[in-house]
C-alpha atoms as a PDB file:
ATOM      1  CA  MET A   1      15.581 -92.587 141.539  1.00  0.00           C
ATOM      2  CA  VAL A   2      14.869 -91.076 138.213  1.00  0.00           C
ATOM      3  CA  HIS A   3      17.152 -92.097 135.309  1.00  0.00           C
ATOM      4  CA  GLU A   4      19.135 -88.911 134.418  1.00  0.00           C
ATOM      5  CA  GLU A   5      20.419 -89.849 130.957  1.00  0.00           C
ATOM      6  CA  PRO A   6      17.290 -88.863 128.888  1.00  0.00           C
ATOM      7  CA  TYR A   7      17.582 -85.327 130.556  1.00  0.00           C
ATOM      8  CA  ALA A   8      21.094 -84.515 130.270  1.00  0.00           C
ATOM      9  CA  LYS A   9      20.854 -83.464 126.600  1.00  0.00           C
ATOM     10  CA  ILE A  10      18.688 -80.621 127.865  1.00  0.00           C
ATOM     11  CA  SER A  11      21.366 -78.992 130.172  1.00  0.00           C
ATOM     12  CA  PRO A  12      23.465 -77.624 127.327  1.00  0.00           C
ATOM     13  CA  THR A  13      20.549 -75.263 126.177  1.00  0.00           C
ATOM     14  CA  ALA A  14      21.324 -73.237 129.295  1.00  0.00           C
ATOM     15  CA  LYS A  15      24.335 -72.104 127.524  1.00  0.00           C
ATOM     16  CA  PHE A  16      22.793 -70.313 124.645  1.00  0.00           C
ATOM     17  CA  VAL A  17      20.196 -68.509 126.966  1.00  0.00           C
ATOM     18  CA  ALA A  18      23.269 -67.511 129.022  1.00  0.00           C
ATOM     19  CA  TYR A  19      24.603 -66.044 125.801  1.00  0.00           C
ATOM     20  CA  GLY A  20      21.485 -64.198 125.020  1.00  0.00           C
ATOM     21  CA  ARG A  21      21.503 -62.676 128.614  1.00  0.00           C
ATOM     22  CA  THR A  22      24.913 -60.893 127.638  1.00  0.00           C
ATOM     23  CA  PHE A  23      22.854 -58.367 125.564  1.00  0.00           C
ATOM     24  CA  THR A  24      21.196 -57.114 128.761  1.00  0.00           C
ATOM     25  CA  ASP A  25      21.967 -55.492 131.998  1.00  0.00           C
ATOM     26  CA  ILE A  26      21.163 -58.651 133.955  1.00  0.00           C
ATOM     27  CA  PRO A  27      23.778 -58.820 136.800  1.00  0.00           C
ATOM     28  CA  PHE A  28      26.674 -61.244 136.389  1.00  0.00           C
ATOM     29  CA  ALA A  29      25.208 -62.529 132.856  1.00  0.00           C
ATOM     30  CA  ARG A  30      28.552 -61.588 130.933  1.00  0.00           C
ATOM     31  CA  GLU A  31      30.716 -63.193 133.472  1.00  0.00           C
ATOM     32  CA  ILE A  32      29.010 -66.404 133.377  1.00  0.00           C
ATOM     33  CA  ALA A  33      28.537 -66.625 129.737  1.00  0.00           C
ATOM     34  CA  ALA A  34      32.380 -65.870 129.458  1.00  0.00           C
ATOM     35  CA  ALA A  35      33.195 -68.569 131.923  1.00  0.00           C
ATOM     36  CA  CYS A  36      31.192 -71.287 129.825  1.00  0.00           C
ATOM     37  CA  ASP A  37      32.057 -70.200 126.424  1.00  0.00           C
ATOM     38  CA  ALA A  38      28.229 -69.682 125.741  1.00  0.00           C
ATOM     39  CA  GLU A  39      28.749 -67.991 122.615  1.00  0.00           C
ATOM     40  CA  THR A  40      30.046 -71.160 120.926  1.00  0.00           C
ATOM     41  CA  ALA A  41      26.935 -73.091 122.127  1.00  0.00           C
ATOM     42  CA  PHE A  42      24.744 -70.433 120.886  1.00  0.00           C
ATOM     43  CA  GLN A  43      26.281 -70.490 117.380  1.00  0.00           C
ATOM     44  CA  THR A  44      26.166 -74.213 117.282  1.00  0.00           C
ATOM     45  CA  LEU A  45      22.260 -74.230 117.709  1.00  0.00           C
ATOM     46  CA  TYR A  46      21.172 -70.866 116.478  1.00  0.00           C
ATOM     47  CA  VAL A  47      21.532 -68.514 113.447  1.00  0.00           C
ATOM     48  CA  ALA A  48      22.870 -65.029 114.257  1.00  0.00           C
ATOM     49  CA  GLU A  49      19.873 -63.284 112.868  1.00  0.00           C
ATOM     50  CA  SER A  50      17.589 -64.709 115.625  1.00  0.00           C
ATOM     51  CA  LEU A  51      19.147 -63.087 118.422  1.00  0.00           C
ATOM     52  CA  PRO A  52      17.560 -59.684 118.122  1.00  0.00           C
ATOM     53  CA  LEU A  53      14.046 -61.278 118.975  1.00  0.00           C
ATOM     54  CA  GLN A  54      15.208 -63.863 121.426  1.00  0.00           C
ATOM     55  CA  ALA A  55      17.289 -61.790 123.728  1.00  0.00           C
ATOM     56  CA  PRO A  56      14.281 -59.419 124.625  1.00  0.00           C
ATOM     57  CA  PHE A  57      12.335 -62.618 125.321  1.00  0.00           C
ATOM     58  CA  TRP A  58      14.781 -64.073 127.425  1.00  0.00           C
ATOM     59  CA  GLU A  59      15.399 -60.876 129.235  1.00  0.00           C
ATOM     60  CA  ALA A  60      11.531 -60.419 129.670  1.00  0.00           C
ATOM     61  CA  ARG A  61      11.363 -63.854 131.108  1.00  0.00           C
ATOM     62  CA  TYR A  62      14.093 -63.560 133.530  1.00  0.00           C
ATOM     63  CA  LYS A  63      12.995 -59.936 134.743  1.00  0.00           C
ATOM     64  CA  THR A  64       9.319 -60.989 134.908  1.00  0.00           C
ATOM     65  CA  THR A  65      10.269 -63.929 137.437  1.00  0.00           C
ATOM     66  CA  ASN A  66      12.243 -61.473 139.372  1.00  0.00           C
ATOM     67  CA  GLN A  67       9.580 -58.957 139.643  1.00  0.00           C
ATOM     68  CA  ILE A  68       7.344 -61.305 140.966  1.00  0.00           C
ATOM     69  CA  ILE A  69       9.813 -62.604 143.419  1.00  0.00           C
ATOM     70  CA  ALA A  70      10.188 -58.978 144.661  1.00  0.00           C
ATOM     71  CA  ARG A  71       6.373 -58.786 144.922  1.00  0.00           C
ATOM     72  CA  GLU A  72       5.963 -61.917 147.068  1.00  0.00           C
ATOM     73  CA  GLY A  73       8.883 -60.647 149.564  1.00  0.00           C
ATOM     74  CA  ILE A  74       9.882 -64.411 150.227  1.00  0.00           C
ATOM     75  CA  THR A  75      13.576 -64.853 151.000  1.00  0.00           C
ATOM     76  CA  GLN A  76      13.862 -68.560 150.819  1.00  0.00           C
ATOM     77  CA  MET A  77      14.276 -69.616 147.115  1.00  0.00           C
ATOM     78  CA  LEU A  78      14.779 -72.888 145.332  1.00  0.00           C
ATOM     79  CA  GLU A  79      15.421 -72.872 141.634  1.00  0.00           C
ATOM     80  CA  ILE A  80      14.697 -76.118 140.022  1.00  0.00           C
ATOM     81  CA  ALA A  81      17.064 -76.840 136.842  1.00  0.00           C
ATOM     82  CA  ALA A  82      18.775 -73.701 137.294  1.00  0.00           C
ATOM     83  CA  GLY A  83      21.294 -74.157 134.606  1.00  0.00           C
ATOM     84  CA  LEU A  84      23.520 -71.038 134.390  1.00  0.00           C
ATOM     85  CA  SER A  85      21.118 -68.587 136.082  1.00  0.00           C
ATOM     86  CA  PRO A  86      22.745 -65.589 137.356  1.00  0.00           C
ATOM     87  CA  ARG A  87      19.847 -65.340 139.823  1.00  0.00           C
ATOM     88  CA  GLY A  88      21.698 -67.058 142.870  1.00  0.00           C
ATOM     89  CA  LEU A  89      24.644 -64.812 142.713  1.00  0.00           C
ATOM     90  CA  ALA A  90      22.336 -61.640 142.422  1.00  0.00           C
ATOM     91  CA  MET A  91      19.841 -62.622 144.903  1.00  0.00           C
ATOM     92  CA  THR A  92      22.291 -63.707 147.884  1.00  0.00           C
ATOM     93  CA  GLU A  93      23.848 -60.094 147.654  1.00  0.00           C
ATOM     94  CA  ASP A  94      20.867 -59.804 150.215  1.00  0.00           C
ATOM     95  CA  PRO A  95      22.229 -61.738 153.266  1.00  0.00           C
ATOM     96  CA  ASP A  96      18.651 -62.383 154.359  1.00  0.00           C
ATOM     97  CA  VAL A  97      18.166 -64.404 151.297  1.00  0.00           C
ATOM     98  CA  VAL A  98      18.732 -68.255 151.149  1.00  0.00           C
ATOM     99  CA  TYR A  99      19.077 -69.314 147.719  1.00  0.00           C
ATOM    100  CA  VAL A 100      19.412 -73.055 146.455  1.00  0.00           C
ATOM    101  CA  ALA A 101      20.145 -74.081 142.899  1.00  0.00           C
ATOM    102  CA  THR A 102      19.474 -77.528 141.688  1.00  0.00           C
ATOM    103  CA  ASP A 103      20.270 -79.328 138.538  1.00  0.00           C
ATOM    104  CA  LEU A 104      21.727 -82.493 137.280  1.00  0.00           C
ATOM    105  CA  PRO A 105      25.312 -83.238 138.461  1.00  0.00           C
ATOM    106  CA  GLU A 106      27.229 -82.026 135.293  1.00  0.00           C
ATOM    107  CA  MET A 107      25.410 -78.903 134.940  1.00  0.00           C
ATOM    108  CA  LEU A 108      25.335 -78.045 138.689  1.00  0.00           C
ATOM    109  CA  GLU A 109      29.314 -78.673 139.061  1.00  0.00           C
ATOM    110  CA  GLN A 110      29.822 -76.089 136.235  1.00  0.00           C
ATOM    111  CA  GLU A 111      27.595 -73.480 137.792  1.00  0.00           C
ATOM    112  CA  LYS A 112      29.023 -74.028 141.152  1.00  0.00           C
ATOM    113  CA  ALA A 113      32.542 -73.804 139.739  1.00  0.00           C
ATOM    114  CA  ILE A 114      31.459 -70.498 137.825  1.00  0.00           C
ATOM    115  CA  ALA A 115      30.025 -68.987 140.890  1.00  0.00           C
ATOM    116  CA  GLY A 116      33.115 -69.756 142.921  1.00  0.00           C
ATOM    117  CA  THR A 117      35.246 -68.108 140.343  1.00  0.00           C
ATOM    118  CA  ILE A 118      33.394 -64.992 140.275  1.00  0.00           C
ATOM    119  CA  LEU A 119      32.957 -64.848 143.983  1.00  0.00           C
ATOM    120  CA  ALA A 120      36.521 -65.382 144.368  1.00  0.00           C
ATOM    121  CA  ARG A 121      37.573 -62.746 142.048  1.00  0.00           C
ATOM    122  CA  LEU A 122      35.316 -60.311 144.067  1.00  0.00           C
ATOM    123  CA  HIS A 123      36.972 -61.323 147.139  1.00  0.00           C
ATOM    124  CA  ILE A 124      33.410 -61.927 148.729  1.00  0.00           C
ATOM    125  CA  GLN A 125      31.684 -65.174 150.134  1.00  0.00           C
ATOM    126  CA  ARG A 126      28.142 -66.143 149.960  1.00  0.00           C
ATOM    127  CA  PRO A 127      27.284 -68.637 152.751  1.00  0.00           C
ATOM    128  CA  ASN A 128      23.573 -68.074 151.665  1.00  0.00           C
ATOM    129  CA  LEU A 129      24.185 -69.393 148.312  1.00  0.00           C
ATOM    130  CA  HIS A 130      23.745 -73.414 147.892  1.00  0.00           C
ATOM    131  CA  PHE A 131      24.029 -75.977 145.316  1.00  0.00           C
ATOM    132  CA  SER A 132      22.192 -79.313 145.427  1.00  0.00           C
ATOM    133  CA  VAL A 133      22.099 -82.156 142.945  1.00  0.00           C
ATOM    134  CA  ALA A 134      18.399 -82.867 142.092  1.00  0.00           C
ATOM    135  CA  ASN A 135      16.591 -84.236 139.084  1.00  0.00           C
ATOM    136  CA  ALA A 136      13.303 -82.253 138.758  1.00  0.00           C
ATOM    137  CA  LEU A 137      11.310 -85.386 138.481  1.00  0.00           C
ATOM    138  CA  ASP A 138      12.998 -87.042 141.421  1.00  0.00           C
ATOM    139  CA  ARG A 139      10.711 -86.499 144.660  1.00  0.00           C
ATOM    140  CA  ASP A 140      13.446 -87.315 147.143  1.00  0.00           C
ATOM    141  CA  GLU A 141      16.132 -85.271 145.599  1.00  0.00           C
ATOM    142  CA  VAL A 142      13.938 -82.268 145.128  1.00  0.00           C
ATOM    143  CA  LEU A 143      12.713 -82.473 148.954  1.00  0.00           C
ATOM    144  CA  GLN A 144      16.395 -83.079 150.075  1.00  0.00           C
ATOM    145  CA  ALA A 145      17.238 -79.860 148.134  1.00  0.00           C
ATOM    146  CA  ALA A 146      15.121 -77.822 150.692  1.00  0.00           C
ATOM    147  CA  THR A 147      17.466 -78.788 153.682  1.00  0.00           C
ATOM    148  CA  PRO A 148      18.904 -75.355 154.135  1.00  0.00           C
ATOM    149  CA  PHE A 149      15.598 -73.720 154.537  1.00  0.00           C
ATOM    150  CA  GLU A 150      13.833 -72.731 157.829  1.00  0.00           C
ATOM    151  CA  ALA A 151      10.815 -74.795 158.253  1.00  0.00           C
ATOM    152  CA  ASP A 152       8.471 -72.057 159.629  1.00  0.00           C
ATOM    153  CA  LYS A 153       9.084 -69.674 156.529  1.00  0.00           C
ATOM    154  CA  PRO A 154       7.503 -69.882 153.197  1.00  0.00           C
ATOM    155  CA  VAL A 155       9.550 -70.729 149.881  1.00  0.00           C
ATOM    156  CA  VAL A 156       9.674 -69.643 146.515  1.00  0.00           C
ATOM    157  CA  ILE A 157       9.951 -72.555 144.103  1.00  0.00           C
ATOM    158  CA  LEU A 158      11.387 -71.421 140.599  1.00  0.00           C
ATOM    159  CA  THR A 159      11.279 -73.123 137.333  1.00  0.00           C
ATOM    160  CA  GLU A 160      12.454 -70.858 134.420  1.00  0.00           C
ATOM    161  CA  GLY A 161      13.041 -72.585 130.980  1.00  0.00           C
ATOM    162  CA  LEU A 162      12.231 -76.260 131.977  1.00  0.00           C
ATOM    163  CA  LEU A 163       8.539 -77.120 131.548  1.00  0.00           C
ATOM    164  CA  THR A 164       8.893 -76.639 127.572  1.00  0.00           C
ATOM    165  CA  TYR A 165      11.232 -79.657 127.637  1.00  0.00           C
ATOM    166  CA  LEU A 166       9.124 -82.012 129.738  1.00  0.00           C
ATOM    167  CA  THR A 167       6.114 -84.005 128.398  1.00  0.00           C
ATOM    168  CA  ARG A 168       2.941 -83.661 130.030  1.00  0.00           C
ATOM    169  CA  ALA A 169       3.347 -86.658 132.169  1.00  0.00           C
ATOM    170  CA  GLU A 170       6.835 -85.317 133.239  1.00  0.00           C
ATOM    171  CA  GLN A 171       5.098 -81.777 134.038  1.00  0.00           C
ATOM    172  CA  ALA A 172       2.676 -83.658 136.202  1.00  0.00           C
ATOM    173  CA  THR A 173       5.498 -85.287 138.065  1.00  0.00           C
ATOM    174  CA  LEU A 174       7.194 -82.080 138.392  1.00  0.00           C
ATOM    175  CA  ALA A 175       3.885 -80.410 139.626  1.00  0.00           C
ATOM    176  CA  ALA A 176       3.442 -83.158 142.293  1.00  0.00           C
ATOM    177  CA  ASN A 177       6.974 -82.640 143.750  1.00  0.00           C
ATOM    178  CA  VAL A 178       6.311 -78.818 143.787  1.00  0.00           C
ATOM    179  CA  HIS A 179       3.063 -79.330 145.600  1.00  0.00           C
ATOM    180  CA  GLU A 180       4.505 -81.362 148.174  1.00  0.00           C
ATOM    181  CA  LEU A 181       7.247 -78.705 149.002  1.00  0.00           C
ATOM    182  CA  LEU A 182       4.640 -75.934 149.111  1.00  0.00           C
ATOM    183  CA  ALA A 183       2.539 -78.200 151.478  1.00  0.00           C
ATOM    184  CA  ARG A 184       5.389 -78.388 153.657  1.00  0.00           C
ATOM    185  CA  TYR A 185       6.737 -74.926 153.891  1.00  0.00           C
ATOM    186  CA  GLY A 186       4.116 -72.759 152.264  1.00  0.00           C
ATOM    187  CA  GLY A 187       4.829 -70.127 149.620  1.00  0.00           C
ATOM    188  CA  VAL A 188       4.505 -70.006 145.841  1.00  0.00           C
ATOM    189  CA  TRP A 189       5.673 -71.762 142.688  1.00  0.00           C
ATOM    190  CA  ILE A 190       6.624 -69.028 139.981  1.00  0.00           C
ATOM    191  CA  THR A 191       7.161 -70.339 136.272  1.00  0.00           C
ATOM    192  CA  PRO A 192       7.268 -68.290 133.241  1.00  0.00           C
ATOM    193  CA  ASP A 193       7.258 -71.624 131.062  1.00  0.00           C
ATOM    194  CA  VAL A 194       3.606 -71.824 130.195  1.00  0.00           C
ATOM    195  CA  SER A 195       3.732 -70.754 126.696  1.00  0.00           C
ATOM    196  CA  THR A 196       0.903 -71.969 124.543  1.00  0.00           C
ATOM    197  CA  LYS A 197       0.910 -73.371 120.881  1.00  0.00           C
ATOM    198  CA  GLN A 198      -1.351 -70.021 120.167  1.00  0.00           C
ATOM    199  CA  SER A 199       1.506 -67.819 121.478  1.00  0.00           C
ATOM    200  CA  TRP A 200       4.271 -69.675 119.707  1.00  0.00           C
ATOM    201  CA  ASP A 201       2.224 -69.349 116.450  1.00  0.00           C
ATOM    202  CA  THR A 202       2.107 -65.836 116.571  1.00  0.00           C
ATOM    203  CA  PHE A 203       5.773 -65.690 117.516  1.00  0.00           C
ATOM    204  CA  ARG A 204       6.470 -67.619 114.595  1.00  0.00           C
ATOM    205  CA  ARG A 205       4.593 -65.243 112.349  1.00  0.00           C
ATOM    206  CA  ILE A 206       6.766 -62.351 113.724  1.00  0.00           C
ATOM    207  CA  ASP A 207      10.215 -64.428 113.737  1.00  0.00           C
ATOM    208  CA  LYS A 208      10.438 -66.365 110.513  1.00  0.00           C
ATOM    209  CA  ARG A 209      13.407 -68.337 111.823  1.00  0.00           C
ATOM    210  CA  MET A 210      11.654 -69.575 115.103  1.00  0.00           C
ATOM    211  CA  GLN A 211      10.677 -72.941 113.565  1.00  0.00           C
ATOM    212  CA  GLN A 212      14.440 -73.266 112.207  1.00  0.00           C
ATOM    213  CA  ARG A 213      15.440 -73.007 115.945  1.00  0.00           C
ATOM    214  CA  GLU A 214      12.986 -75.221 117.277  1.00  0.00           C
ATOM    215  CA  GLN A 215      14.050 -77.930 115.022  1.00  0.00           C
ATOM    216  CA  ALA A 216      17.738 -77.619 115.898  1.00  0.00           C
ATOM    217  CA  ILE A 217      16.873 -77.596 119.636  1.00  0.00           C
ATOM    218  CA  SER A 218      14.655 -80.667 119.407  1.00  0.00           C
ATOM    219  CA  SER A 219      17.294 -82.627 117.576  1.00  0.00           C
ATOM    220  CA  ALA A 220      20.031 -81.541 120.129  1.00  0.00           C
ATOM    221  CA  THR A 221      17.763 -82.224 123.057  1.00  0.00           C
ATOM    222  CA  GLU A 222      15.757 -85.221 121.618  1.00  0.00           C
ATOM    223  CA  ARG A 223      12.737 -83.310 123.005  1.00  0.00           C
ATOM    224  CA  SER A 224       9.798 -81.882 120.891  1.00  0.00           C
ATOM    225  CA  LEU A 225       9.437 -78.343 122.102  1.00  0.00           C
ATOM    226  CA  TYR A 226       6.411 -77.663 120.308  1.00  0.00           C
ATOM    227  CA  ASP A 227       4.459 -80.951 121.108  1.00  0.00           C
ATOM    228  CA  ASN A 228       5.344 -80.193 124.885  1.00  0.00           C
ATOM    229  CA  LEU A 229       3.396 -76.668 124.831  1.00  0.00           C
ATOM    230  CA  PHE A 230      -0.153 -76.315 126.385  1.00  0.00           C
ATOM    231  CA  ILE A 231      -2.592 -76.127 123.746  1.00  0.00           C
ATOM    232  CA  ASP A 232      -4.256 -72.772 125.008  1.00  0.00           C
ATOM    233  CA  ASP A 233      -5.122 -70.805 128.150  1.00  0.00           C
ATOM    234  CA  HIS A 234      -7.738 -73.341 129.085  1.00  0.00           C
ATOM    235  CA  ASP A 235      -5.350 -76.258 128.859  1.00  0.00           C
ATOM    236  CA  VAL A 236      -3.023 -74.312 131.174  1.00  0.00           C
ATOM    237  CA  GLN A 237      -5.876 -73.657 133.715  1.00  0.00           C
ATOM    238  CA  GLN A 238      -7.003 -77.443 133.604  1.00  0.00           C
ATOM    239  CA  PHE A 239      -3.598 -78.815 134.072  1.00  0.00           C
ATOM    240  CA  PHE A 240      -2.501 -76.537 137.131  1.00  0.00           C
ATOM    241  CA  THR A 241      -6.013 -76.639 138.796  1.00  0.00           C
ATOM    242  CA  SER A 242      -6.009 -80.505 138.511  1.00  0.00           C
ATOM    243  CA  ALA A 243      -2.597 -80.572 139.950  1.00  0.00           C
ATOM    244  CA  GLY A 244      -3.810 -78.703 142.969  1.00  0.00           C
ATOM    245  CA  PHE A 245      -2.911 -75.048 142.336  1.00  0.00           C
ATOM    246  CA  LYS A 246      -4.794 -71.814 142.437  1.00  0.00           C
ATOM    247  CA  ILE A 247      -3.500 -69.714 139.470  1.00  0.00           C
ATOM    248  CA  GLU A 248      -2.431 -66.116 139.042  1.00  0.00           C
ATOM    249  CA  ALA A 249      -1.364 -64.799 135.537  1.00  0.00           C
ATOM    250  CA  TYR A 250       1.470 -62.229 135.195  1.00  0.00           C
ATOM    251  CA  SER A 251       2.055 -60.860 131.778  1.00  0.00           C
ATOM    252  CA  PHE A 252       5.836 -60.458 130.523  1.00  0.00           C
ATOM    253  CA  ARG A 253       4.542 -57.054 129.115  1.00  0.00           C
ATOM    254  CA  GLN A 254       4.926 -55.777 132.769  1.00  0.00           C
ATOM    255  CA  VAL A 255       8.584 -55.524 132.574  1.00  0.00           C
ATOM    256  CA  LEU A 256       8.592 -53.947 129.165  1.00  0.00           C
ATOM    257  CA  ASP A 257      10.164 -50.606 130.301  1.00  0.00           C
ATOM    258  CA  GLU A 258      12.963 -52.723 132.127  1.00  0.00           C
ATOM    259  CA  LEU A 259      14.231 -54.262 129.112  1.00  0.00           C
ATOM    260  CA  SER A 260      17.924 -53.110 128.225  1.00  0.00           C
ATOM    261  CA  SER A 261      17.908 -55.154 125.130  1.00  0.00           C
ATOM    262  CA  LEU A 262      15.694 -53.044 123.310  1.00  0.00           C
ATOM    263  CA  LYS A 263      18.194 -50.354 123.147  1.00  0.00           C
ATOM    264  CA  ARG A 264      20.781 -52.718 122.118  1.00  0.00           C
ATOM    265  CA  PHE A 265      18.916 -53.934 119.106  1.00  0.00           C
ATOM    266  CA  ASN A 266      17.021 -50.743 118.439  1.00  0.00           C
ATOM    267  CA  TYR A 267      13.525 -52.239 118.850  1.00  0.00           C
ATOM    268  CA  ASP A 268      10.435 -49.867 119.115  1.00  0.00           C
ATOM    269  CA  ARG A 269       8.151 -50.448 121.914  1.00  0.00           C
ATOM    270  CA  GLU A 270       5.239 -51.738 119.786  1.00  0.00           C
ATOM    271  CA  SER A 271       7.087 -54.369 118.009  1.00  0.00           C
ATOM    272  CA  ILE A 272       8.115 -55.815 121.426  1.00  0.00           C
ATOM    273  CA  MET A 273       4.655 -55.553 122.832  1.00  0.00           C
ATOM    274  CA  GLN A 274       3.518 -57.648 120.032  1.00  0.00           C
ATOM    275  CA  THR A 275       6.334 -60.117 120.565  1.00  0.00           C
ATOM    276  CA  LEU A 276       5.438 -60.490 124.053  1.00  0.00           C
ATOM    277  CA  GLN A 277       1.863 -60.697 123.669  1.00  0.00           C
ATOM    278  CA  GLY A 278       0.489 -64.062 125.020  1.00  0.00           C
ATOM    279  CA  PHE A 279       3.610 -64.975 127.004  1.00  0.00           C
ATOM    280  CA  THR A 280       2.856 -64.837 130.930  1.00  0.00           C
ATOM    281  CA  ALA A 281       4.185 -66.320 133.986  1.00  0.00           C
ATOM    282  CA  LEU A 282       2.163 -68.206 136.454  1.00  0.00           C
ATOM    283  CA  ILE A 283       2.283 -67.572 140.296  1.00  0.00           C
ATOM    284  CA  LEU A 284       0.848 -70.829 141.779  1.00  0.00           C
ATOM    285  CA  THR A 285      -0.124 -71.366 145.444  1.00  0.00           C
ATOM    286  CA  LEU A 286      -2.112 -74.269 147.037  1.00  0.00           C
END
């Protein structure tokens, strides 16, 4: 079993992403943020002026992942370190979807309670929505989380907002766990967390407060975000290929026309195109 204490400090970062999603049209985003007082968490770590740039990025990351899920057409989904993602509530509106959210105990209990409150308010049930305690680096816990799935159907493994908090050795452990799941079920691993130092350096030039945010988050989580980034695209390719995956890149810019936050913050298309340049999700298969 992997000791959880070093990773527990990462979990609260889900709240400020949850707050950023309230400025979008992502289903259930506002309800989740209100239930966990996400705004307070955001104000603790962020400066208000940074939100206009971060909200479109978080929205693009989320919608890029969803666009790939729709393309793949796979109905069994395991989201590792799901945090306060609204994806489970949204995806399980389709009764054919089986969705499992995993996270560390405290965060998972909070997400489960929030989902339960929202579903009770709407007077609906979701027997296809599951929650499973699992440390992303614990092989046995990750494999156990897949119990609700049918063995003869492929799965989508999702990690959104996780890899940046992991060291290279921890990323390799996660990759090995996902590889074993896909070897059993078939399917894909979707991760939009493959930012490189090159892309972040570009983002820093556009958003002057980015380094200040990085320092605040690194201090709170005791994790160096910048140090954990891949160096460049070659580094990304080498890592995932060595871990046994075939790679397809999918640009965040493909969801540009779906970004509702652009109107909220009055952004022009070219500015956001520049911001999202270099950010991609990976579709990983065996």
